């Protein structure tokens, strides 16, 4: 099924533009870290991201994210450059945009309440990014501490539970009789 730009609602156009831009920004973010991607890498990510934007519910998104992550792995020896924060934001925005774009037909505008829910979830994830990055920078070069992984898993579990409670608690349901 081919889609034309005129067949999309305005909100879908915005979401699909974010899906295209996010991975490209993520790949280009290796530049400030000291290793600009070659043109063919940017072109490949742009092509994959365009496919992801056209079919946000397809596995093309996973492939796009894996290519971006593989580029970061190959391009830099130290993955703790400040530009990693930009990459995290770009990929989270891309994921949320794809999630929202995949709800309903492309011609249907995206529900504002649903958008708020997903934006809140993204913000919670993005709040953890600088904390995890900062901890990784502090621990860089230190020998493995035996309890560090247990503490990391416990902190992740606590954050997940807290986010689940915050994002799912609402007013008490009204009982009808």
N, C-alpha and C. Protein backbone atom coordinates (compact mmCIF):
# COMPACT_ATOMS: atom_id res chain seq x y z
N UNK A 1 0.84 -1.17 0.00
CA UNK A 1 0.00 0.00 0.00
C UNK A 1 0.89 1.24 0.00
N UNK A 2 0.70 2.07 -0.96
CA UNK A 2 1.50 3.29 -1.02
C UNK A 2 0.73 4.43 -0.35
N UNK A 3 1.49 5.25 0.35
CA UNK A 3 0.88 6.39 1.02
C UNK A 3 1.43 7.66 0.41
N UNK A 4 0.57 8.60 0.18
CA UNK A 4 0.99 9.91 -0.28
C UNK A 4 0.94 10.86 0.90
N UNK A 5 1.73 11.90 0.83
CA UNK A 5 1.78 12.87 1.91
C UNK A 5 0.41 13.48 2.17
N UNK A 6 -0.38 13.69 1.13
CA UNK A 6 -1.72 14.25 1.27
C UNK A 6 -2.68 13.35 2.01
N UNK A 7 -2.36 12.05 2.10
CA UNK A 7 -3.22 11.10 2.80
C UNK A 7 -3.01 11.13 4.32
N UNK A 8 -1.97 11.81 4.77
CA UNK A 8 -1.63 11.83 6.19
C UNK A 8 -2.23 13.04 6.88
N UNK A 9 -2.64 12.85 8.15
CA UNK A 9 -3.07 14.00 8.94
C UNK A 9 -1.84 14.83 9.32
N UNK A 10 -2.06 16.05 9.74
CA UNK A 10 -0.94 16.94 10.11
C UNK A 10 -0.12 16.33 11.24
N UNK A 11 -0.79 15.77 12.24
CA UNK A 11 -0.06 15.17 13.36
C UNK A 11 0.77 13.98 12.89
N UNK A 12 0.26 13.22 11.94
CA UNK A 12 1.02 12.09 11.40
C UNK A 12 2.25 12.58 10.62
N UNK A 13 2.11 13.68 9.91
CA UNK A 13 3.25 14.23 9.17
C UNK A 13 4.34 14.65 10.14
N UNK A 14 3.96 15.31 11.23
CA UNK A 14 4.94 15.73 12.24
C UNK A 14 5.62 14.52 12.86
N UNK A 15 4.84 13.52 13.24
CA UNK A 15 5.42 12.32 13.85
C UNK A 15 6.38 11.61 12.91
N UNK A 16 5.99 11.49 11.67
CA UNK A 16 6.83 10.78 10.70
C UNK A 16 8.09 11.58 10.37
N UNK A 17 8.01 12.90 10.42
CA UNK A 17 9.21 13.72 10.25
C UNK A 17 10.18 13.48 11.42
N UNK A 18 9.64 13.38 12.63
CA UNK A 18 10.48 13.09 13.80
C UNK A 18 11.14 11.72 13.68
N UNK A 19 10.40 10.76 13.13
CA UNK A 19 10.96 9.42 12.94
C UNK A 19 12.13 9.45 11.97
N UNK A 20 12.06 10.30 10.97
CA UNK A 20 13.15 10.41 10.00
C UNK A 20 14.34 11.16 10.60
N UNK A 21 14.07 12.25 11.27
CA UNK A 21 15.14 13.12 11.78
C UNK A 21 15.91 12.49 12.94
N UNK A 22 15.23 11.81 13.84
CA UNK A 22 15.86 11.27 15.05
C UNK A 22 17.08 10.39 14.80
N UNK A 23 16.97 9.33 14.00
CA UNK A 23 18.14 8.48 13.76
C UNK A 23 19.28 9.20 13.03
N UNK A 24 18.92 10.12 12.13
CA UNK A 24 19.96 10.87 11.42
C UNK A 24 20.73 11.75 12.40
N UNK A 25 20.03 12.42 13.29
CA UNK A 25 20.68 13.23 14.33
C UNK A 25 21.58 12.34 15.19
N UNK A 26 21.08 11.16 15.53
CA UNK A 26 21.85 10.23 16.38
C UNK A 26 23.16 9.82 15.71
N UNK A 27 23.13 9.56 14.43
CA UNK A 27 24.35 9.17 13.71
C UNK A 27 25.29 10.37 13.57
N UNK A 28 24.73 11.53 13.26
CA UNK A 28 25.57 12.72 13.11
C UNK A 28 26.19 13.17 14.44
N UNK A 29 25.62 12.74 15.56
CA UNK A 29 26.14 13.14 16.87
C UNK A 29 27.51 12.55 17.18
N UNK A 30 27.98 11.60 16.36
CA UNK A 30 29.36 11.12 16.56
C UNK A 30 30.37 12.16 16.10
N UNK A 31 29.94 13.11 15.28
CA UNK A 31 30.84 14.16 14.79
C UNK A 31 31.46 14.97 15.91
N UNK A 32 30.65 15.58 16.77
CA UNK A 32 31.23 16.33 17.88
C UNK A 32 32.08 15.46 18.82
N UNK A 33 31.83 14.16 18.80
CA UNK A 33 32.62 13.25 19.63
C UNK A 33 33.93 12.87 18.94
N UNK A 34 34.15 13.38 17.72
CA UNK A 34 35.43 13.16 17.06
C UNK A 34 35.44 12.26 15.85
N UNK A 35 34.29 11.78 15.41
CA UNK A 35 34.28 10.87 14.27
C UNK A 35 33.01 11.10 13.45
N UNK A 36 33.12 11.97 12.44
CA UNK A 36 31.97 12.25 11.58
C UNK A 36 31.66 11.03 10.73
N UNK A 37 30.39 10.69 10.57
CA UNK A 37 30.04 9.55 9.73
C UNK A 37 30.25 9.87 8.26
N UNK A 38 30.62 8.86 7.47
CA UNK A 38 30.73 9.09 6.02
C UNK A 38 29.34 9.31 5.43
N UNK A 39 29.30 9.91 4.25
CA UNK A 39 28.02 10.22 3.61
C UNK A 39 27.16 8.99 3.41
N UNK A 40 27.79 7.86 3.09
CA UNK A 40 27.01 6.65 2.82
C UNK A 40 26.32 6.13 4.08
N UNK A 41 26.92 6.36 5.26
CA UNK A 41 26.29 5.94 6.51
C UNK A 41 25.06 6.81 6.78
N UNK A 42 25.21 8.11 6.58
CA UNK A 42 24.08 9.01 6.77
C UNK A 42 22.97 8.68 5.77
N UNK A 43 23.34 8.39 4.52
CA UNK A 43 22.36 8.03 3.50
C UNK A 43 21.64 6.73 3.86
N UNK A 44 22.39 5.75 4.36
CA UNK A 44 21.78 4.47 4.75
C UNK A 44 20.80 4.66 5.91
N UNK A 45 21.21 5.44 6.90
CA UNK A 45 20.32 5.69 8.05
C UNK A 45 19.10 6.49 7.60
N UNK A 46 19.29 7.45 6.71
CA UNK A 46 18.17 8.23 6.20
C UNK A 46 17.18 7.33 5.45
N UNK A 47 17.70 6.40 4.66
CA UNK A 47 16.83 5.48 3.93
C UNK A 47 16.07 4.57 4.90
N UNK A 48 16.78 4.03 5.87
CA UNK A 48 16.12 3.18 6.87
C UNK A 48 15.08 3.96 7.67
N UNK A 49 15.44 5.17 8.09
CA UNK A 49 14.51 6.00 8.86
C UNK A 49 13.28 6.37 8.04
N UNK A 50 13.47 6.58 6.74
CA UNK A 50 12.33 6.87 5.87
C UNK A 50 11.40 5.66 5.76
N UNK A 51 12.00 4.48 5.67
CA UNK A 51 11.19 3.26 5.68
C UNK A 51 10.46 3.08 7.00
N UNK A 52 11.13 3.41 8.09
CA UNK A 52 10.54 3.34 9.42
C UNK A 52 9.38 4.33 9.52
N UNK A 53 9.54 5.53 8.96
CA UNK A 53 8.47 6.53 8.99
C UNK A 53 7.27 6.08 8.17
N UNK A 54 7.53 5.41 7.05
CA UNK A 54 6.44 4.92 6.21
C UNK A 54 5.68 3.78 6.87
N UNK A 55 6.42 2.93 7.61
CA UNK A 55 5.82 1.77 8.26
C UNK A 55 6.28 1.71 9.72
N UNK A 56 5.73 2.60 10.57
CA UNK A 56 6.23 2.69 11.95
C UNK A 56 5.97 1.45 12.80
N UNK A 57 5.07 0.59 12.36
CA UNK A 57 4.78 -0.61 13.13
C UNK A 57 5.60 -1.82 12.67
N UNK A 58 6.50 -1.60 11.72
CA UNK A 58 7.26 -2.71 11.14
C UNK A 58 8.62 -2.89 11.81
N UNK A 59 9.29 -4.00 11.54
CA UNK A 59 10.63 -4.25 12.09
C UNK A 59 11.72 -3.34 11.53
N UNK A 60 11.39 -2.49 10.57
CA UNK A 60 12.38 -1.57 10.01
C UNK A 60 12.93 -0.66 11.11
N UNK A 61 12.10 -0.34 12.09
CA UNK A 61 12.54 0.50 13.20
C UNK A 61 13.65 -0.14 14.01
N UNK A 62 13.51 -1.42 14.27
CA UNK A 62 14.55 -2.14 15.03
C UNK A 62 15.86 -2.12 14.25
N UNK A 63 15.77 -2.38 12.97
CA UNK A 63 16.98 -2.37 12.12
C UNK A 63 17.61 -0.97 12.13
N UNK A 64 16.79 0.06 12.02
CA UNK A 64 17.30 1.43 12.04
C UNK A 64 18.05 1.71 13.34
N UNK A 65 17.45 1.36 14.47
CA UNK A 65 18.08 1.59 15.77
C UNK A 65 19.37 0.78 15.89
N UNK A 66 19.36 -0.46 15.41
CA UNK A 66 20.57 -1.29 15.49
C UNK A 66 21.71 -0.73 14.65
N UNK A 67 21.39 -0.18 13.48
CA UNK A 67 22.42 0.42 12.64
C UNK A 67 23.02 1.64 13.34
N UNK A 68 22.17 2.47 13.95
CA UNK A 68 22.67 3.64 14.68
C UNK A 68 23.57 3.21 15.84
N UNK A 69 23.12 2.23 16.60
CA UNK A 69 23.92 1.76 17.74
C UNK A 69 25.22 1.11 17.28
N UNK A 70 25.16 0.36 16.18
CA UNK A 70 26.38 -0.26 15.66
C UNK A 70 27.37 0.81 15.21
N UNK A 71 26.86 1.88 14.59
CA UNK A 71 27.75 2.96 14.18
C UNK A 71 28.44 3.57 15.39
N UNK A 72 27.69 3.80 16.45
CA UNK A 72 28.30 4.36 17.67
C UNK A 72 29.34 3.41 18.24
N UNK A 73 29.05 2.15 18.22
CA UNK A 73 29.99 1.15 18.75
C UNK A 73 31.28 1.13 17.93
N UNK A 74 31.17 1.21 16.61
CA UNK A 74 32.33 1.16 15.74
C UNK A 74 33.08 2.49 15.67
N UNK A 75 32.36 3.59 15.77
CA UNK A 75 32.96 4.90 15.55
C UNK A 75 33.78 5.40 16.74
N UNK A 76 33.37 5.06 17.93
CA UNK A 76 34.02 5.64 19.11
C UNK A 76 34.53 4.57 20.06
N UNK A 77 35.71 4.84 20.59
CA UNK A 77 36.25 3.94 21.62
C UNK A 77 35.56 4.18 22.96
N UNK A 78 35.30 5.44 23.27
CA UNK A 78 34.67 5.80 24.53
C UNK A 78 33.25 6.27 24.26
N UNK A 79 32.28 5.49 24.65
CA UNK A 79 30.88 5.83 24.41
C UNK A 79 30.31 6.79 25.42
N UNK A 80 31.15 7.45 26.21
CA UNK A 80 30.64 8.32 27.26
C UNK A 80 30.81 9.80 26.94
N UNK A 81 30.93 10.13 25.67
CA UNK A 81 31.01 11.53 25.26
C UNK A 81 29.67 12.21 25.56
N UNK A 82 29.71 13.50 25.77
CA UNK A 82 28.50 14.26 26.08
C UNK A 82 27.43 14.12 25.01
N UNK A 83 27.83 13.92 23.77
CA UNK A 83 26.85 13.81 22.69
C UNK A 83 25.97 12.56 22.81
N UNK A 84 26.34 11.65 23.68
CA UNK A 84 25.48 10.48 23.94
C UNK A 84 24.12 10.93 24.47
N UNK A 85 24.10 12.04 25.19
CA UNK A 85 22.84 12.57 25.71
C UNK A 85 21.92 12.99 24.56
N UNK A 86 22.50 13.56 23.52
CA UNK A 86 21.72 13.95 22.33
C UNK A 86 21.18 12.70 21.64
N UNK A 87 22.02 11.68 21.54
CA UNK A 87 21.61 10.43 20.90
C UNK A 87 20.44 9.80 21.66
N UNK A 88 20.55 9.75 22.99
CA UNK A 88 19.47 9.17 23.79
C UNK A 88 18.17 9.93 23.56
N UNK A 89 18.23 11.25 23.57
CA UNK A 89 17.03 12.05 23.34
C UNK A 89 16.46 11.81 21.94
N UNK A 90 17.34 11.77 20.93
CA UNK A 90 16.88 11.56 19.56
C UNK A 90 16.21 10.21 19.40
N UNK A 91 16.78 9.17 20.00
CA UNK A 91 16.20 7.83 19.84
C UNK A 91 14.92 7.66 20.66
N UNK A 92 14.84 8.29 21.81
CA UNK A 92 13.59 8.22 22.59
C UNK A 92 12.48 8.96 21.86
N UNK A 93 12.78 10.13 21.33
CA UNK A 93 11.78 10.89 20.56
C UNK A 93 11.34 10.08 19.34
N UNK A 94 12.29 9.45 18.67
CA UNK A 94 11.96 8.61 17.51
C UNK A 94 11.03 7.47 17.91
N UNK A 95 11.37 6.81 19.00
CA UNK A 95 10.55 5.68 19.46
C UNK A 95 9.12 6.13 19.79
N UNK A 96 9.01 7.23 20.51
CA UNK A 96 7.68 7.71 20.90
C UNK A 96 6.89 8.14 19.66
N UNK A 97 7.54 8.83 18.75
CA UNK A 97 6.86 9.25 17.51
C UNK A 97 6.37 8.04 16.73
N UNK A 98 7.19 7.00 16.65
CA UNK A 98 6.78 5.79 15.93
C UNK A 98 5.64 5.09 16.65
N UNK A 99 5.71 5.05 17.95
CA UNK A 99 4.64 4.43 18.73
C UNK A 99 3.31 5.14 18.47
N UNK A 100 3.34 6.46 18.53
CA UNK A 100 2.12 7.24 18.29
C UNK A 100 1.65 7.12 16.85
N UNK A 101 2.57 7.13 15.90
CA UNK A 101 2.20 7.04 14.49
C UNK A 101 1.58 5.68 14.15
N UNK A 102 1.92 4.67 14.93
CA UNK A 102 1.42 3.33 14.62
C UNK A 102 -0.01 3.10 15.11
N UNK A 103 -0.54 4.01 15.91
CA UNK A 103 -1.92 3.88 16.38
C UNK A 103 -2.88 4.37 15.30
N UNK A 104 -3.71 3.52 14.81
CA UNK A 104 -4.75 3.92 13.86
C UNK A 104 -4.25 4.18 12.46
N UNK A 105 -5.17 4.48 11.56
CA UNK A 105 -4.81 4.76 10.17
C UNK A 105 -4.04 6.08 10.05
N UNK A 106 -3.27 6.18 9.00
CA UNK A 106 -2.41 7.35 8.79
C UNK A 106 -3.20 8.63 8.60
N UNK A 107 -4.40 8.55 8.10
CA UNK A 107 -5.21 9.74 7.87
C UNK A 107 -5.84 10.27 9.17
N UNK A 108 -5.87 9.44 10.20
CA UNK A 108 -6.51 9.83 11.46
C UNK A 108 -5.54 10.67 12.31
N UNK A 109 -6.00 11.82 12.80
CA UNK A 109 -5.15 12.61 13.69
C UNK A 109 -4.85 11.83 14.98
N UNK A 110 -3.70 12.09 15.56
CA UNK A 110 -3.30 11.41 16.78
C UNK A 110 -4.01 12.05 17.96
N UNK A 111 -4.54 11.23 18.84
CA UNK A 111 -5.28 11.69 20.01
C UNK A 111 -4.36 12.46 20.96
N UNK A 112 -4.80 13.61 21.42
CA UNK A 112 -3.99 14.47 22.31
C UNK A 112 -3.73 13.79 23.65
N UNK A 113 -4.71 13.11 24.21
CA UNK A 113 -4.53 12.44 25.50
C UNK A 113 -3.49 11.32 25.39
N UNK A 114 -3.55 10.58 24.31
CA UNK A 114 -2.57 9.51 24.08
C UNK A 114 -1.17 10.10 23.91
N UNK A 115 -1.09 11.20 23.21
CA UNK A 115 0.20 11.87 23.03
C UNK A 115 0.77 12.31 24.37
N UNK A 116 -0.06 12.87 25.24
CA UNK A 116 0.40 13.29 26.58
C UNK A 116 0.95 12.10 27.36
N UNK A 117 0.27 10.97 27.31
CA UNK A 117 0.73 9.78 28.03
C UNK A 117 2.12 9.37 27.55
N UNK A 118 2.30 9.31 26.23
CA UNK A 118 3.59 8.88 25.70
C UNK A 118 4.68 9.90 25.92
N UNK A 119 4.35 11.18 25.87
CA UNK A 119 5.35 12.22 26.15
C UNK A 119 5.78 12.14 27.61
N UNK A 120 4.85 11.91 28.54
CA UNK A 120 5.20 11.74 29.95
C UNK A 120 6.14 10.55 30.14
N UNK A 121 5.84 9.47 29.47
CA UNK A 121 6.71 8.29 29.57
C UNK A 121 8.11 8.60 29.04
N UNK A 122 8.17 9.30 27.94
CA UNK A 122 9.46 9.67 27.37
C UNK A 122 10.25 10.58 28.30
N UNK A 123 9.57 11.51 28.93
CA UNK A 123 10.24 12.42 29.88
C UNK A 123 10.81 11.63 31.05
N UNK A 124 10.07 10.67 31.55
CA UNK A 124 10.57 9.85 32.67
C UNK A 124 11.84 9.12 32.24
N UNK A 125 11.83 8.56 31.05
CA UNK A 125 13.02 7.86 30.55
C UNK A 125 14.18 8.84 30.39
N UNK A 126 13.89 10.00 29.81
CA UNK A 126 14.95 10.98 29.57
C UNK A 126 15.51 11.57 30.86
N UNK A 127 14.72 11.60 31.93
CA UNK A 127 15.24 12.08 33.21
C UNK A 127 16.32 11.16 33.75
N UNK A 128 16.22 9.89 33.42
CA UNK A 128 17.21 8.92 33.90
C UNK A 128 18.51 8.98 33.10
N UNK A 129 18.46 9.46 31.88
CA UNK A 129 19.63 9.43 31.00
C UNK A 129 20.83 10.18 31.57
N UNK A 130 20.71 11.45 31.99
CA UNK A 130 21.88 12.14 32.52
C UNK A 130 22.40 11.52 33.81
N UNK A 131 21.50 10.95 34.60
CA UNK A 131 21.92 10.30 35.85
C UNK A 131 22.77 9.08 35.54
N UNK A 132 22.30 8.24 34.64
CA UNK A 132 23.04 7.03 34.27
C UNK A 132 24.36 7.41 33.59
N UNK A 133 24.32 8.40 32.71
CA UNK A 133 25.54 8.87 32.04
C UNK A 133 26.55 9.39 33.06
N UNK A 134 26.08 10.18 34.01
CA UNK A 134 26.96 10.72 35.05
C UNK A 134 27.58 9.63 35.90
N UNK A 135 26.79 8.65 36.28
CA UNK A 135 27.32 7.52 37.05
C UNK A 135 28.34 6.74 36.25
N UNK A 136 28.07 6.54 34.99
CA UNK A 136 29.02 5.81 34.14
C UNK A 136 30.33 6.58 34.03
N UNK A 137 30.25 7.90 33.93
CA UNK A 137 31.48 8.72 33.86
C UNK A 137 32.25 8.64 35.17
N UNK A 138 31.53 8.63 36.29
CA UNK A 138 32.19 8.53 37.59
C UNK A 138 32.89 7.18 37.77
N UNK A 139 32.26 6.14 37.25
CA UNK A 139 32.79 4.79 37.44
C UNK A 139 33.78 4.38 36.37
N UNK A 140 33.96 5.20 35.35
CA UNK A 140 34.88 4.87 34.27
C UNK A 140 36.29 4.69 34.83
N UNK A 141 36.92 3.60 34.47
CA UNK A 141 38.29 3.33 34.91
C UNK A 141 38.38 2.62 36.24
N UNK A 142 37.30 2.59 36.99
CA UNK A 142 37.33 1.87 38.27
C UNK A 142 37.22 0.37 38.00
N UNK A 143 37.90 -0.43 38.83
CA UNK A 143 37.72 -1.87 38.65
C UNK A 143 36.28 -2.25 39.02
N UNK A 144 35.84 -3.37 38.46
CA UNK A 144 34.48 -3.84 38.76
C UNK A 144 34.28 -3.99 40.26
N UNK A 145 33.23 -3.35 40.74
CA UNK A 145 32.84 -3.52 42.13
C UNK A 145 31.86 -4.69 42.19
N UNK A 146 32.02 -5.60 43.13
CA UNK A 146 31.17 -6.79 43.13
C UNK A 146 29.68 -6.49 43.25
N UNK A 147 29.29 -5.47 43.97
CA UNK A 147 27.87 -5.21 44.17
C UNK A 147 27.28 -4.20 43.21
N UNK A 148 28.08 -3.68 42.29
CA UNK A 148 27.59 -2.59 41.43
C UNK A 148 26.44 -3.05 40.53
N UNK A 149 26.50 -4.28 40.05
CA UNK A 149 25.43 -4.76 39.16
C UNK A 149 24.15 -5.00 39.94
N UNK A 150 24.27 -5.47 41.17
CA UNK A 150 23.08 -5.68 42.00
C UNK A 150 22.43 -4.33 42.29
N UNK A 151 23.24 -3.33 42.61
CA UNK A 151 22.72 -1.99 42.88
C UNK A 151 22.07 -1.42 41.62
N UNK A 152 22.71 -1.62 40.47
CA UNK A 152 22.15 -1.13 39.21
C UNK A 152 20.81 -1.76 38.88
N UNK A 153 20.71 -3.07 39.06
CA UNK A 153 19.43 -3.75 38.79
C UNK A 153 18.37 -3.30 39.78
N UNK A 154 18.75 -3.16 41.04
CA UNK A 154 17.78 -2.71 42.06
C UNK A 154 17.30 -1.28 41.75
N UNK A 155 18.22 -0.41 41.35
CA UNK A 155 17.84 0.97 41.02
C UNK A 155 16.93 1.00 39.80
N UNK A 156 17.23 0.19 38.81
CA UNK A 156 16.39 0.12 37.61
C UNK A 156 15.00 -0.39 37.95
N UNK A 157 14.95 -1.42 38.77
CA UNK A 157 13.66 -1.97 39.19
C UNK A 157 12.85 -0.93 39.96
N UNK A 158 13.51 -0.23 40.88
CA UNK A 158 12.82 0.81 41.65
C UNK A 158 12.31 1.92 40.75
N UNK A 159 13.13 2.33 39.77
CA UNK A 159 12.71 3.39 38.85
C UNK A 159 11.53 2.93 37.99
N UNK A 160 11.57 1.67 37.56
CA UNK A 160 10.48 1.14 36.74
C UNK A 160 9.18 1.09 37.53
N UNK A 161 9.25 0.62 38.77
CA UNK A 161 8.06 0.55 39.62
C UNK A 161 7.54 1.96 39.89
N UNK A 162 8.44 2.88 40.22
CA UNK A 162 8.03 4.26 40.50
C UNK A 162 7.37 4.88 39.27
N UNK A 163 7.97 4.69 38.10
CA UNK A 163 7.39 5.24 36.87
C UNK A 163 6.04 4.61 36.59
N UNK A 164 5.93 3.31 36.83
CA UNK A 164 4.66 2.63 36.62
C UNK A 164 3.56 3.17 37.52
N UNK A 165 3.91 3.44 38.76
CA UNK A 165 2.93 3.99 39.70
C UNK A 165 2.54 5.41 39.32
N UNK A 166 3.54 6.22 39.01
CA UNK A 166 3.28 7.62 38.67
C UNK A 166 2.44 7.73 37.40
N UNK A 167 2.76 6.92 36.41
CA UNK A 167 2.09 7.06 35.11
C UNK A 167 0.76 6.34 35.01
N UNK A 168 0.48 5.44 35.95
CA UNK A 168 -0.79 4.72 35.86
C UNK A 168 -1.78 5.11 36.94
N UNK A 169 -1.37 5.92 37.89
CA UNK A 169 -2.30 6.31 38.93
C UNK A 169 -3.15 7.46 38.42
N UNK A 170 -4.37 7.32 38.65
CA UNK A 170 -5.30 8.37 38.23
C UNK A 170 -6.41 8.45 39.24
N UNK A 171 -7.44 9.17 38.93
CA UNK A 171 -8.56 9.25 39.85
C UNK A 171 -9.20 7.87 40.02
N UNK A 172 -9.74 7.67 41.19
CA UNK A 172 -10.41 6.39 41.49
C UNK A 172 -11.62 6.24 40.57
N UNK A 173 -11.83 5.01 40.08
CA UNK A 173 -12.99 4.81 39.20
C UNK A 173 -14.29 5.03 39.95
N UNK A 174 -15.26 5.57 39.24
CA UNK A 174 -16.57 5.83 39.84
C UNK A 174 -17.39 4.56 39.70
N UNK A 175 -17.95 4.13 40.83
CA UNK A 175 -18.75 2.91 40.82
C UNK A 175 -20.20 3.28 40.55
N UNK A 176 -20.75 2.62 39.57
CA UNK A 176 -22.16 2.90 39.24
C UNK A 176 -23.04 1.78 39.76
N UNK A 177 -24.20 2.17 40.22
CA UNK A 177 -25.14 1.16 40.74
C UNK A 177 -26.44 1.24 40.04
